[in-house]
PDB file of N, CA and C in Angstrom:
ATOM      1  N   UNK A   1      95.994  62.936  80.912  1.00  0.00           N
ATOM      2  CA  UNK A   1      96.121  63.546  82.222  1.00  0.00           C
ATOM      3  C   UNK A   1      95.050  64.607  82.408  1.00  0.00           C
ATOM      4  N   UNK A   2      94.729  64.860  83.669  1.00  0.00           N
ATOM      5  CA  UNK A   2      93.797  65.929  83.999  1.00  0.00           C
ATOM      6  C   UNK A   2      94.050  66.347  85.444  1.00  0.00           C
ATOM      7  N   UNK A   3      93.564  67.495  85.822  1.00  0.00           N
ATOM      8  CA  UNK A   3      93.670  67.922  87.209  1.00  0.00           C
ATOM      9  C   UNK A   3      92.643  67.152  88.025  1.00  0.00           C
ATOM     10  N   UNK A   4      93.084  66.528  89.092  1.00  0.00           N
ATOM     11  CA  UNK A   4      92.185  65.746  89.939  1.00  0.00           C
ATOM     12  C   UNK A   4      91.579  66.605  91.043  1.00  0.00           C
ATOM     13  N   UNK A   5      92.417  67.396  91.759  1.00  0.00           N
ATOM     14  CA  UNK A   5      91.877  68.203  92.837  1.00  0.00           C
ATOM     15  C   UNK A   5      92.765  69.397  93.163  1.00  0.00           C
ATOM     16  N   UNK A   6      92.165  70.340  93.859  1.00  0.00           N
ATOM     17  CA  UNK A   6      92.858  71.460  94.475  1.00  0.00           C
ATOM     18  C   UNK A   6      92.644  71.310  95.968  1.00  0.00           C
ATOM     19  N   UNK A   7      93.633  71.669  96.776  1.00  0.00           N
ATOM     20  CA  UNK A   7      93.515  71.574  98.226  1.00  0.00           C
ATOM     21  C   UNK A   7      93.659  72.967  98.827  1.00  0.00           C
ATOM     22  N   UNK A   8      92.743  73.299  99.735  1.00  0.00           N
ATOM     23  CA  UNK A   8      92.732  74.628 100.350  1.00  0.00           C
ATOM     24  C   UNK A   8      92.621  74.464 101.862  1.00  0.00           C
ATOM     25  N   UNK A   9      93.484  75.151 102.588  1.00  0.00           N
ATOM     26  CA  UNK A   9      93.366  75.206 104.040  1.00  0.00           C
ATOM     27  C   UNK A   9      92.336  76.271 104.388  1.00  0.00           C
ATOM     28  N   UNK A  10      91.395  75.940 105.287  1.00  0.00           N
ATOM     29  CA  UNK A  10      90.302  76.860 105.604  1.00  0.00           C
ATOM     30  C   UNK A  10      90.234  77.153 107.097  1.00  0.00           C
ATOM     31  N   UNK A  11      89.722  78.345 107.427  1.00  0.00           N
ATOM     32  CA  UNK A  11      89.567  78.766 108.824  1.00  0.00           C
ATOM     33  C   UNK A  11      88.380  78.073 109.478  1.00  0.00           C
ATOM     34  N   UNK A  12      87.260  77.991 108.757  1.00  0.00           N
ATOM     35  CA  UNK A  12      86.017  77.420 109.287  1.00  0.00           C
ATOM     36  C   UNK A  12      85.495  76.428 108.254  1.00  0.00           C
ATOM     37  N   UNK A  13      85.535  75.160 108.587  1.00  0.00           N
ATOM     38  CA  UNK A  13      85.203  74.109 107.622  1.00  0.00           C
ATOM     39  C   UNK A  13      83.762  74.204 107.144  1.00  0.00           C
ATOM     40  N   UNK A  14      82.811  74.307 108.060  1.00  0.00           N
ATOM     41  CA  UNK A  14      81.396  74.315 107.657  1.00  0.00           C
ATOM     42  C   UNK A  14      81.050  75.566 106.855  1.00  0.00           C
ATOM     43  N   UNK A  15      81.599  76.708 107.240  1.00  0.00           N
ATOM     44  CA  UNK A  15      81.366  77.945 106.489  1.00  0.00           C
ATOM     45  C   UNK A  15      81.908  77.819 105.067  1.00  0.00           C
ATOM     46  N   UNK A  16      83.077  77.201 104.934  1.00  0.00           N
ATOM     47  CA  UNK A  16      83.690  77.029 103.614  1.00  0.00           C
ATOM     48  C   UNK A  16      82.910  76.057 102.747  1.00  0.00           C
ATOM     49  N   UNK A  17      82.450  74.954 103.335  1.00  0.00           N
ATOM     50  CA  UNK A  17      81.622  73.990 102.590  1.00  0.00           C
ATOM     51  C   UNK A  17      80.375  74.693 102.076  1.00  0.00           C
ATOM     52  N   UNK A  18      79.720  75.434 102.949  1.00  0.00           N
ATOM     53  CA  UNK A  18      78.497  76.145 102.563  1.00  0.00           C
ATOM     54  C   UNK A  18      78.775  77.155 101.447  1.00  0.00           C
ATOM     55  N   UNK A  19      79.881  77.878 101.534  1.00  0.00           N
ATOM     56  CA  UNK A  19      80.239  78.864 100.514  1.00  0.00           C
ATOM     57  C   UNK A  19      80.340  78.211  99.132  1.00  0.00           C
ATOM     58  N   UNK A  20      81.113  77.144  99.019  1.00  0.00           N
ATOM     59  CA  UNK A  20      81.322  76.508  97.710  1.00  0.00           C
ATOM     60  C   UNK A  20      80.060  75.818  97.198  1.00  0.00           C
ATOM     61  N   UNK A  21      79.240  75.305  98.102  1.00  0.00           N
ATOM     62  CA  UNK A  21      77.981  74.698  97.672  1.00  0.00           C
ATOM     63  C   UNK A  21      76.994  75.767  97.216  1.00  0.00           C
ATOM     64  N   UNK A  22      76.816  76.800  98.001  1.00  0.00           N
ATOM     65  CA  UNK A  22      75.827  77.839  97.716  1.00  0.00           C
ATOM     66  C   UNK A  22      76.224  78.702  96.514  1.00  0.00           C
ATOM     67  N   UNK A  23      77.492  79.066  96.425  1.00  0.00           N
ATOM     68  CA  UNK A  23      77.930  79.982  95.367  1.00  0.00           C
ATOM     69  C   UNK A  23      78.137  79.298  94.021  1.00  0.00           C
ATOM     70  N   UNK A  24      78.616  78.051  94.036  1.00  0.00           N
ATOM     71  CA  UNK A  24      79.006  77.412  92.777  1.00  0.00           C
ATOM     72  C   UNK A  24      78.390  76.047  92.518  1.00  0.00           C
ATOM     73  N   UNK A  25      77.686  75.489  93.483  1.00  0.00           N
ATOM     74  CA  UNK A  25      77.046  74.196  93.268  1.00  0.00           C
ATOM     75  C   UNK A  25      77.931  72.991  93.495  1.00  0.00           C
ATOM     76  N   UNK A  26      79.039  73.146  94.226  1.00  0.00           N
ATOM     77  CA  UNK A  26      79.863  71.988  94.565  1.00  0.00           C
ATOM     78  C   UNK A  26      79.020  70.999  95.373  1.00  0.00           C
ATOM     79  N   UNK A  27      79.290  69.718  95.195  1.00  0.00           N
ATOM     80  CA  UNK A  27      78.600  68.652  95.918  1.00  0.00           C
ATOM     81  C   UNK A  27      79.589  67.944  96.831  1.00  0.00           C
ATOM     82  N   UNK A  28      79.156  67.702  98.079  1.00  0.00           N
ATOM     83  CA  UNK A  28      80.033  67.011  99.025  1.00  0.00           C
ATOM     84  C   UNK A  28      80.178  65.552  98.633  1.00  0.00           C
ATOM     85  N   UNK A  29      81.423  65.057  98.628  1.00  0.00           N
ATOM     86  CA  UNK A  29      81.721  63.675  98.274  1.00  0.00           C
ATOM     87  C   UNK A  29      82.131  62.839  99.471  1.00  0.00           C
ATOM     88  N   UNK A  30      82.911  63.443 100.386  1.00  0.00           N
ATOM     89  CA  UNK A  30      83.478  62.650 101.476  1.00  0.00           C
ATOM     90  C   UNK A  30      84.005  63.568 102.572  1.00  0.00           C
ATOM     91  N   UNK A  31      84.015  63.046 103.806  1.00  0.00           N
ATOM     92  CA  UNK A  31      84.649  63.711 104.952  1.00  0.00           C
ATOM     93  C   UNK A  31      85.570  62.692 105.602  1.00  0.00           C
ATOM     94  N   UNK A  32      86.738  63.139 106.052  1.00  0.00           N
ATOM     95  CA  UNK A  32      87.630  62.223 106.746  1.00  0.00           C
ATOM     96  C   UNK A  32      88.647  62.972 107.592  1.00  0.00           C
ATOM     97  N   UNK A  33      89.289  62.220 108.454  1.00  0.00           N
ATOM     98  CA  UNK A  33      90.434  62.672 109.224  1.00  0.00           C
ATOM     99  C   UNK A  33      91.416  61.508 109.235  1.00  0.00           C
ATOM    100  N   UNK A  34      92.630  61.758 109.677  1.00  0.00           N
ATOM    101  CA  UNK A  34      93.634  60.701 109.764  1.00  0.00           C
ATOM    102  C   UNK A  34      94.185  60.651 111.181  1.00  0.00           C
ATOM    103  N   UNK A  35      94.601  59.477 111.571  1.00  0.00           N
ATOM    104  CA  UNK A  35      95.200  59.313 112.890  1.00  0.00           C
ATOM    105  C   UNK A  35      96.420  60.230 112.998  1.00  0.00           C
ATOM    106  N   UNK A  36      96.496  60.956 114.096  1.00  0.00           N
ATOM    107  CA  UNK A  36      97.612  61.871 114.297  1.00  0.00           C
ATOM    108  C   UNK A  36      97.340  63.283 113.800  1.00  0.00           C
ATOM    109  N   UNK A  37      96.238  63.476 113.086  1.00  0.00           N
ATOM    110  CA  UNK A  37      95.869  64.810 112.600  1.00  0.00           C
ATOM    111  C   UNK A  37      95.003  65.501 113.633  1.00  0.00           C
ATOM    112  N   UNK A  38      95.199  66.788 113.776  1.00  0.00           N
ATOM    113  CA  UNK A  38      94.326  67.608 114.609  1.00  0.00           C
ATOM    114  C   UNK A  38      93.436  68.421 113.676  1.00  0.00           C
ATOM    115  N   UNK A  39      92.739  67.713 112.782  1.00  0.00           N
ATOM    116  CA  UNK A  39      91.919  68.401 111.807  1.00  0.00           C
ATOM    117  C   UNK A  39      91.056  67.447 111.004  1.00  0.00           C
ATOM    118  N   UNK A  40      90.332  68.037 110.028  1.00  0.00           N
ATOM    119  CA  UNK A  40      89.396  67.287 109.183  1.00  0.00           C
ATOM    120  C   UNK A  40      89.533  67.744 107.739  1.00  0.00           C
ATOM    121  N   UNK A  41      89.025  66.899 106.823  1.00  0.00           N
ATOM    122  CA  UNK A  41      89.014  67.212 105.395  1.00  0.00           C
ATOM    123  C   UNK A  41      87.621  66.927 104.853  1.00  0.00           C
ATOM    124  N   UNK A  42      87.133  67.831 104.003  1.00  0.00           N
ATOM    125  CA  UNK A  42      85.903  67.596 103.247  1.00  0.00           C
ATOM    126  C   UNK A  42      86.274  67.684 101.770  1.00  0.00           C
ATOM    127  N   UNK A  43      85.840  66.695 100.998  1.00  0.00           N
ATOM    128  CA  UNK A  43      86.066  66.709  99.555  1.00  0.00           C
ATOM    129  C   UNK A  43      84.763  67.105  98.876  1.00  0.00           C
ATOM    130  N   UNK A  44      84.841  68.159  98.067  1.00  0.00           N
ATOM    131  CA  UNK A  44      83.708  68.635  97.271  1.00  0.00           C
ATOM    132  C   UNK A  44      84.023  68.385  95.807  1.00  0.00           C
ATOM    133  N   UNK A  45      82.987  68.314  94.976  1.00  0.00           N
ATOM    134  CA  UNK A  45      83.199  68.067  93.547  1.00  0.00           C
ATOM    135  C   UNK A  45      82.321  68.989  92.719  1.00  0.00           C
ATOM    136  N   UNK A  46      82.923  69.522  91.646  1.00  0.00           N
ATOM    137  CA  UNK A  46      82.213  70.311  90.638  1.00  0.00           C
ATOM    138  C   UNK A  46      82.713  69.840  89.285  1.00  0.00           C
ATOM    139  N   UNK A  47      81.826  69.243  88.509  1.00  0.00           N
ATOM    140  CA  UNK A  47      82.239  68.712  87.212  1.00  0.00           C
ATOM    141  C   UNK A  47      83.265  67.603  87.404  1.00  0.00           C
ATOM    142  N   UNK A  48      84.429  67.786  86.818  1.00  0.00           N
ATOM    143  CA  UNK A  48      85.496  66.778  86.862  1.00  0.00           C
ATOM    144  C   UNK A  48      86.530  67.052  87.947  1.00  0.00           C
ATOM    145  N   UNK A  49      86.389  68.159  88.676  1.00  0.00           N
ATOM    146  CA  UNK A  49      87.439  68.576  89.615  1.00  0.00           C
ATOM    147  C   UNK A  49      86.959  68.466  91.062  1.00  0.00           C
ATOM    148  N   UNK A  50      87.826  67.914  91.901  1.00  0.00           N
ATOM    149  CA  UNK A  50      87.580  67.839  93.340  1.00  0.00           C
ATOM    150  C   UNK A  50      88.259  69.002  94.033  1.00  0.00           C
ATOM    151  N   UNK A  51      87.636  69.470  95.100  1.00  0.00           N
ATOM    152  CA  UNK A  51      88.188  70.520  95.944  1.00  0.00           C
ATOM    153  C   UNK A  51      88.291  69.941  97.348  1.00  0.00           C
ATOM    154  N   UNK A  52      89.519  69.871  97.875  1.00  0.00           N
ATOM    155  CA  UNK A  52      89.736  69.354  99.214  1.00  0.00           C
ATOM    156  C   UNK A  52      89.870  70.534 100.167  1.00  0.00           C
ATOM    157  N   UNK A  53      88.999  70.596 101.146  1.00  0.00           N
ATOM    158  CA  UNK A  53      89.044  71.646 102.154  1.00  0.00           C
ATOM    159  C   UNK A  53      89.634  71.060 103.427  1.00  0.00           C
ATOM    160  N   UNK A  54      90.789  71.584 103.847  1.00  0.00           N
ATOM    161  CA  UNK A  54      91.492  71.117 105.038  1.00  0.00           C
ATOM    162  C   UNK A  54      91.276  72.111 106.174  1.00  0.00           C
ATOM    163  N   UNK A  55      90.905  71.604 107.334  1.00  0.00           N
ATOM    164  CA  UNK A  55      90.791  72.461 108.522  1.00  0.00           C
ATOM    165  C   UNK A  55      91.571  71.826 109.658  1.00  0.00           C
ATOM    166  N   UNK A  56      92.519  72.586 110.218  1.00  0.00           N
ATOM    167  CA  UNK A  56      93.293  72.140 111.370  1.00  0.00           C
ATOM    168  C   UNK A  56      93.096  73.130 112.500  1.00  0.00           C
ATOM    169  N   UNK A  57      93.126  72.637 113.723  1.00  0.00           N
ATOM    170  CA  UNK A  57      92.940  73.507 114.878  1.00  0.00           C
ATOM    171  C   UNK A  57      94.075  74.520 115.007  1.00  0.00           C
ATOM    172  N   UNK A  58      95.303  74.126 114.664  1.00  0.00           N
ATOM    173  CA  UNK A  58      96.425  75.065 114.635  1.00  0.00           C
ATOM    174  C   UNK A  58      96.604  75.529 113.196  1.00  0.00           C
ATOM    175  N   UNK A  59      96.472  76.841 112.959  1.00  0.00           N
ATOM    176  CA  UNK A  59      96.486  77.366 111.596  1.00  0.00           C
ATOM    177  C   UNK A  59      97.559  78.433 111.424  1.00  0.00           C
ATOM    178  N   UNK A  60      98.035  78.568 110.185  1.00  0.00           N
ATOM    179  CA  UNK A  60      99.018  79.581 109.814  1.00  0.00           C
ATOM    180  C   UNK A  60      98.429  80.382 108.669  1.00  0.00           C
ATOM    181  N   UNK A  61      98.386  81.718 108.785  1.00  0.00           N
ATOM    182  CA  UNK A  61      97.836  82.569 107.723  1.00  0.00           C
ATOM    183  C   UNK A  61      98.727  82.588 106.488  1.00  0.00           C
ATOM    184  N   UNK A  62      98.088  82.704 105.318  1.00  0.00           N
ATOM    185  CA  UNK A  62      98.779  82.810 104.035  1.00  0.00           C
ATOM    186  C   UNK A  62      99.239  84.242 103.799  1.00  0.00           C
ATOM    187  N   UNK A  63     100.283  84.393 103.008  1.00  0.00           N
ATOM    188  CA  UNK A  63     100.796  85.717 102.659  1.00  0.00           C
ATOM    189  C   UNK A  63     100.483  86.082 101.201  1.00  0.00           C
ATOM    190  N   UNK A  64      99.698  85.234 100.508  1.00  0.00           N
ATOM    191  CA  UNK A  64      99.396  85.475  99.091  1.00  0.00           C
ATOM    192  C   UNK A  64      98.609  86.759  98.879  1.00  0.00           C
ATOM    193  N   UNK A  65      98.863  87.397  97.738  1.00  0.00           N
ATOM    194  CA  UNK A  65      98.147  88.601  97.326  1.00  0.00           C
ATOM    195  C   UNK A  65      97.906  88.484  95.827  1.00  0.00           C
ATOM    196  N   UNK A  66      96.645  88.378  95.395  1.00  0.00           N
ATOM    197  CA  UNK A  66      96.363  88.143  93.972  1.00  0.00           C
ATOM    198  C   UNK A  66      96.721  89.328  93.092  1.00  0.00           C
ATOM    199  N   UNK A  67      96.939  90.487  93.671  1.00  0.00           N
ATOM    200  CA  UNK A  67      97.324  91.653  92.871  1.00  0.00           C
ATOM    201  C   UNK A  67      98.815  91.683  92.563  1.00  0.00           C
ATOM    202  N   UNK A  68      99.596  90.836  93.201  1.00  0.00           N
ATOM    203  CA  UNK A  68     101.044  90.785  92.979  1.00  0.00           C
ATOM    204  C   UNK A  68     101.370  89.505  92.226  1.00  0.00           C
ATOM    205  N   UNK A  69     101.396  89.594  90.902  1.00  0.00           N
ATOM    206  CA  UNK A  69     101.608  88.409  90.072  1.00  0.00           C
ATOM    207  C   UNK A  69     103.042  87.899  90.129  1.00  0.00           C
ATOM    208  N   UNK A  70     103.979  88.705  90.646  1.00  0.00           N
ATOM    209  CA  UNK A  70     105.369  88.261  90.706  1.00  0.00           C
ATOM    210  C   UNK A  70     105.677  87.451  91.965  1.00  0.00           C
ATOM    211  N   UNK A  71     104.702  87.271  92.858  1.00  0.00           N
ATOM    212  CA  UNK A  71     104.886  86.449  94.048  1.00  0.00           C
ATOM    213  C   UNK A  71     104.785  84.982  93.640  1.00  0.00           C
ATOM    214  N   UNK A  72     105.705  84.168  94.121  1.00  0.00           N
ATOM    215  CA  UNK A  72     105.711  82.742  93.791  1.00  0.00           C
ATOM    216  C   UNK A  72     104.594  82.036  94.553  1.00  0.00           C
ATOM    217  N   UNK A  73     103.892  81.136  93.874  1.00  0.00           N
ATOM    218  CA  UNK A  73     102.827  80.369  94.507  1.00  0.00           C
ATOM    219  C   UNK A  73     101.546  80.458  93.703  1.00  0.00           C
ATOM    220  N   UNK A  74     100.524  79.766  94.170  1.00  0.00           N
ATOM    221  CA  UNK A  74      99.234  79.757  93.493  1.00  0.00           C
ATOM    222  C   UNK A  74      98.586  81.131  93.580  1.00  0.00           C
ATOM    223  N   UNK A  75      98.224  81.709  92.456  1.00  0.00           N
ATOM    224  CA  UNK A  75      97.604  83.038  92.416  1.00  0.00           C
ATOM    225  C   UNK A  75      96.100  82.955  92.639  1.00  0.00           C
ATOM    226  N   UNK A  76      95.458  82.035  91.948  1.00  0.00           N
ATOM    227  CA  UNK A  76      94.013  81.869  92.030  1.00  0.00           C
ATOM    228  C   UNK A  76      93.644  80.610  91.266  1.00  0.00           C
ATOM    229  N   UNK A  77      92.398  80.192  91.393  1.00  0.00           N
ATOM    230  CA  UNK A  77      91.880  79.188  90.474  1.00  0.00           C
ATOM    231  C   UNK A  77      90.624  79.766  89.857  1.00  0.00           C
ATOM    232  N   UNK A  78      90.299  79.305  88.660  1.00  0.00           N
ATOM    233  CA  UNK A  78      89.190  79.879  87.906  1.00  0.00           C
ATOM    234  C   UNK A  78      88.052  78.884  87.770  1.00  0.00           C
ATOM    235  N   UNK A  79      86.840  79.421  87.851  1.00  0.00           N
ATOM    236  CA  UNK A  79      85.631  78.647  87.598  1.00  0.00           C
ATOM    237  C   UNK A  79      84.976  79.245  86.364  1.00  0.00           C
ATOM    238  N   UNK A  80      84.806  78.414  85.335  1.00  0.00           N
ATOM    239  CA  UNK A  80      84.160  78.878  84.107  1.00  0.00           C
ATOM    240  C   UNK A  80      82.656  78.950  84.339  1.00  0.00           C
ATOM    241  N   UNK A  81      82.085  80.090  83.985  1.00  0.00           N
ATOM    242  CA  UNK A  81      80.645  80.308  84.129  1.00  0.00           C
ATOM    243  C   UNK A  81      80.072  80.717  82.776  1.00  0.00           C
ATOM    244  N   UNK A  82      78.766  80.547  82.589  1.00  0.00           N
ATOM    245  CA  UNK A  82      78.124  80.952  81.337  1.00  0.00           C
ATOM    246  C   UNK A  82      78.089  82.464  81.199  1.00  0.00           C
ATOM    247  N   UNK A  83      77.867  83.169  82.309  1.00  0.00           N
ATOM    248  CA  UNK A  83      77.792  84.627  82.292  1.00  0.00           C
ATOM    249  C   UNK A  83      78.442  85.187  83.556  1.00  0.00           C
ATOM    250  N   UNK A  84      79.537  85.909  83.390  1.00  0.00           N
ATOM    251  CA  UNK A  84      80.185  86.557  84.531  1.00  0.00           C
ATOM    252  C   UNK A  84      79.237  87.567  85.156  1.00  0.00           C
ATOM    253  N   UNK A  85      78.537  88.355  84.318  1.00  0.00           N
ATOM    254  CA  UNK A  85      77.637  89.381  84.848  1.00  0.00           C
ATOM    255  C   UNK A  85      76.535  88.778  85.720  1.00  0.00           C
ATOM    256  N   UNK A  86      75.914  87.701  85.265  1.00  0.00           N
ATOM    257  CA  UNK A  86      74.842  87.066  86.035  1.00  0.00           C
ATOM    258  C   UNK A  86      75.374  86.458  87.330  1.00  0.00           C
ATOM    259  N   UNK A  87      76.524  85.799  87.250  1.00  0.00           N
ATOM    260  CA  UNK A  87      77.109  85.192  88.446  1.00  0.00           C
ATOM    261  C   UNK A  87      77.552  86.273  89.425  1.00  0.00           C
ATOM    262  N   UNK A  88      78.092  87.366  88.903  1.00  0.00           N
ATOM    263  CA  UNK A  88      78.484  88.500  89.743  1.00  0.00           C
ATOM    264  C   UNK A  88      77.278  89.013  90.531  1.00  0.00           C
ATOM    265  N   UNK A  89      76.137  89.205  89.852  1.00  0.00           N
ATOM    266  CA  UNK A  89      74.925  89.703  90.523  1.00  0.00           C
ATOM    267  C   UNK A  89      74.461  88.732  91.605  1.00  0.00           C
ATOM    268  N   UNK A  90      74.486  87.434  91.307  1.00  0.00           N
ATOM    269  CA  UNK A  90      74.084  86.412  92.277  1.00  0.00           C
ATOM    270  C   UNK A  90      74.977  86.478  93.512  1.00  0.00           C
ATOM    271  N   UNK A  91      76.297  86.560  93.305  1.00  0.00           N
ATOM    272  CA  UNK A  91      77.229  86.543  94.423  1.00  0.00           C
ATOM    273  C   UNK A  91      77.184  87.838  95.226  1.00  0.00           C
ATOM    274  N   UNK A  92      76.923  88.969  94.562  1.00  0.00           N
ATOM    275  CA  UNK A  92      76.769  90.237  95.289  1.00  0.00           C
ATOM    276  C   UNK A  92      75.596  90.143  96.262  1.00  0.00           C
ATOM    277  N   UNK A  93      74.498  89.510  95.820  1.00  0.00           N
ATOM    278  CA  UNK A  93      73.327  89.342  96.685  1.00  0.00           C
ATOM    279  C   UNK A  93      73.630  88.457  97.888  1.00  0.00           C
ATOM    280  N   UNK A  94      74.642  87.585  97.753  1.00  0.00           N
ATOM    281  CA  UNK A  94      75.058  86.714  98.852  1.00  0.00           C
ATOM    282  C   UNK A  94      76.149  87.371  99.709  1.00  0.00           C
ATOM    283  N   UNK A  95      76.430  88.653  99.431  1.00  0.00           N
ATOM    284  CA  UNK A  95      77.443  89.429 100.153  1.00  0.00           C
ATOM    285  C   UNK A  95      78.857  88.870 100.034  1.00  0.00           C
ATOM    286  N   UNK A  96      79.155  88.292  98.866  1.00  0.00           N
ATOM    287  CA  UNK A  96      80.494  87.781  98.600  1.00  0.00           C
ATOM    288  C   UNK A  96      81.414  88.956  98.266  1.00  0.00           C
ATOM    289  N   UNK A  97      82.656  88.905  98.740  1.00  0.00           N
ATOM    290  CA  UNK A  97      83.680  89.915  98.440  1.00  0.00           C
ATOM    291  C   UNK A  97      84.140  89.703  96.995  1.00  0.00           C
ATOM    292  N   UNK A  98      83.603  90.504  96.071  1.00  0.00           N
ATOM    293  CA  UNK A  98      83.836  90.283  94.644  1.00  0.00           C
ATOM    294  C   UNK A  98      84.130  91.606  93.932  1.00  0.00           C
ATOM    295  N   UNK A  99      85.081  91.562  92.993  1.00  0.00           N
ATOM    296  CA  UNK A  99      85.429  92.732  92.184  1.00  0.00           C
ATOM    297  C   UNK A  99      84.471  92.844  91.003  1.00  0.00           C
ATOM    298  N   UNK A 100      84.382  94.038  90.429  1.00  0.00           N
ATOM    299  CA  UNK A 100      83.512  94.250  89.266  1.00  0.00           C
ATOM    300  C   UNK A 100      84.061  93.511  88.048  1.00  0.00           C
ATOM    301  N   UNK A 101      83.165  92.979  87.191  1.00  0.00           N
ATOM    302  CA  UNK A 101      83.597  92.296  85.971  1.00  0.00           C
ATOM    303  C   UNK A 101      84.385  93.228  85.044  1.00  0.00           C
ATOM    304  N   UNK A 102      85.329  92.623  84.328  1.00  0.00           N
ATOM    305  CA  UNK A 102      86.160  93.345  83.370  1.00  0.00           C
ATOM    306  C   UNK A 102      86.180  92.584  82.051  1.00  0.00           C
ATOM    307  N   UNK A 103      86.459  93.299  80.970  1.00  0.00           N
ATOM    308  CA  UNK A 103      86.658  92.646  79.679  1.00  0.00           C
ATOM    309  C   UNK A 103      87.975  91.895  79.725  1.00  0.00           C
ATOM    310  N   UNK A 104      87.999  90.716  79.134  1.00  0.00           N
ATOM    311  CA  UNK A 104      89.192  89.880  79.207  1.00  0.00           C
ATOM    312  C   UNK A 104      90.029  89.894  77.950  1.00  0.00           C
ATOM    313  N   UNK A 105      91.220  89.332  78.058  1.00  0.00           N
ATOM    314  CA  UNK A 105      92.113  89.149  76.927  1.00  0.00           C
ATOM    315  C   UNK A 105      91.933  87.746  76.354  1.00  0.00           C
ATOM    316  N   UNK A 106      91.936  86.737  77.223  1.00  0.00           N
ATOM    317  CA  UNK A 106      91.769  85.345  76.786  1.00  0.00           C
ATOM    318  C   UNK A 106      90.345  84.851  76.999  1.00  0.00           C
ATOM    319  N   UNK A 107      89.488  85.747  77.464  1.00  0.00           N
ATOM    320  CA  UNK A 107      88.097  85.395  77.725  1.00  0.00           C
ATOM    321  C   UNK A 107      87.220  86.610  77.416  1.00  0.00           C
ATOM    322  N   UNK A 108      85.888  86.401  77.412  1.00  0.00           N
ATOM    323  CA  UNK A 108      84.975  87.514  77.180  1.00  0.00           C
ATOM    324  C   UNK A 108      84.999  88.467  78.366  1.00  0.00           C
ATOM    325  N   UNK A 109      84.772  87.930  79.563  1.00  0.00           N
ATOM    326  CA  UNK A 109      84.790  88.714  80.795  1.00  0.00           C
ATOM    327  C   UNK A 109      85.354  87.861  81.916  1.00  0.00           C
ATOM    328  N   UNK A 110      85.821  88.550  82.950  1.00  0.00           N
ATOM    329  CA  UNK A 110      86.309  87.882  84.141  1.00  0.00           C
ATOM    330  C   UNK A 110      86.153  88.805  85.335  1.00  0.00           C
ATOM    331  N   UNK A 111      86.232  88.250  86.510  1.00  0.00           N
ATOM    332  CA  UNK A 111      86.351  89.034  87.740  1.00  0.00           C
ATOM    333  C   UNK A 111      86.880  88.128  88.830  1.00  0.00           C
ATOM    334  N   UNK A 112      87.390  88.735  89.875  1.00  0.00           N
ATOM    335  CA  UNK A 112      87.945  87.988  90.993  1.00  0.00           C
ATOM    336  C   UNK A 112      87.077  88.155  92.228  1.00  0.00           C
ATOM    337  N   UNK A 113      87.052  87.109  93.052  1.00  0.00           N
ATOM    338  CA  UNK A 113      86.380  87.159  94.339  1.00  0.00           C
ATOM    339  C   UNK A 113      87.237  86.402  95.328  1.00  0.00           C
ATOM    340  N   UNK A 114      86.897  86.540  96.589  1.00  0.00           N
ATOM    341  CA  UNK A 114      87.603  85.843  97.637  1.00  0.00           C
ATOM    342  C   UNK A 114      86.608  85.036  98.463  1.00  0.00           C
ATOM    343  N   UNK A 115      86.989  83.817  98.806  1.00  0.00           N
ATOM    344  CA  UNK A 115      86.132  83.042  99.694  1.00  0.00           C
ATOM    345  C   UNK A 115      86.351  83.530 101.124  1.00  0.00           C
ATOM    346  N   UNK A 116      85.719  82.917 102.085  1.00  0.00           N
ATOM    347  CA  UNK A 116      85.803  83.384 103.468  1.00  0.00           C
ATOM    348  C   UNK A 116      87.191  83.204 104.077  1.00  0.00           C
ATOM    349  N   UNK A 117      88.092  82.519 103.364  1.00  0.00           N
ATOM    350  CA  UNK A 117      89.462  82.316 103.818  1.00  0.00           C
ATOM    351  C   UNK A 117      90.441  83.235 103.111  1.00  0.00           C
ATOM    352  N   UNK A 118      89.931  84.045 102.167  1.00  0.00           N
ATOM    353  CA  UNK A 118      90.792  84.924 101.385  1.00  0.00           C
ATOM    354  C   UNK A 118      91.342  84.261 100.136  1.00  0.00           C
ATOM    355  N   UNK A 119      90.936  83.019  99.850  1.00  0.00           N
ATOM    356  CA  UNK A 119      91.390  82.330  98.637  1.00  0.00           C
ATOM    357  C   UNK A 119      90.768  83.029  97.438  1.00  0.00           C
ATOM    358  N   UNK A 120      91.605  83.351  96.458  1.00  0.00           N
ATOM    359  CA  UNK A 120      91.153  84.101  95.288  1.00  0.00           C
ATOM    360  C   UNK A 120      90.628  83.138  94.225  1.00  0.00           C
ATOM    361  N   UNK A 121      89.436  83.457  93.729  1.00  0.00           N
ATOM    362  CA  UNK A 121      88.773  82.673  92.690  1.00  0.00           C
ATOM    363  C   UNK A 121      88.456  83.618  91.539  1.00  0.00           C
ATOM    364  N   UNK A 122      88.714  83.178  90.332  1.00  0.00           N
ATOM    365  CA  UNK A 122      88.365  83.964  89.141  1.00  0.00           C
ATOM    366  C   UNK A 122      87.101  83.384  88.528  1.00  0.00           C
ATOM    367  N   UNK A 123      86.151  84.259  88.213  1.00  0.00           N
ATOM    368  CA  UNK A 123      85.027  83.853  87.367  1.00  0.00           C
ATOM    369  C   UNK A 123      85.474  84.094  85.934  1.00  0.00           C
ATOM    370  N   UNK A 124      85.331  83.123  85.076  1.00  0.00           N
ATOM    371  CA  UNK A 124      85.872  83.151  83.721  1.00  0.00           C
ATOM    372  C   UNK A 124      84.752  82.827  82.735  1.00  0.00           C
ATOM    373  N   UNK A 125      84.483  83.768  81.824  1.00  0.00           N
ATOM    374  CA  UNK A 125      83.479  83.558  80.770  1.00  0.00           C
ATOM    375  C   UNK A 125      84.209  83.345  79.452  1.00  0.00           C
ATOM    376  N   UNK A 126      84.080  82.137  78.915  1.00  0.00           N
ATOM    377  CA  UNK A 126      84.779  81.750  77.688  1.00  0.00           C
ATOM    378  C   UNK A 126      84.312  82.583  76.497  1.00  0.00           C
ATOM    379  N   UNK A 127      85.231  82.859  75.570  1.00  0.00           N
ATOM    380  CA  UNK A 127      84.888  83.582  74.326  1.00  0.00           C
ATOM    381  C   UNK A 127      84.059  82.709  73.425  1.00  0.00           C
TER     382      UNK A 127
END
């Protein structure tokens, strides 16, 4: 077994596609809609994992907060990078909303950032 994909509802589809491509190197695989949907989906891929970006004209805001670990639901997803410090510097130059790197417990370093939809992503540097 393996994780096939993560699905994220987004405010602006093209802005979100550009964010994941520019910041992390995701590659677009497919775009589609379904009959009866008032929206579109773009599938991006990085390594073995697909990211499905859903955009609907009628949207509902999320109540998630990555600082509250006791809230039920997805907290964040992590992208493993070779160097958190180098990736942090790259993303700061792109004006990404990103926290300063910290020393990790299960990793060398980590930090959190938010995409343009407020989805929390962890940069994870393996020990």
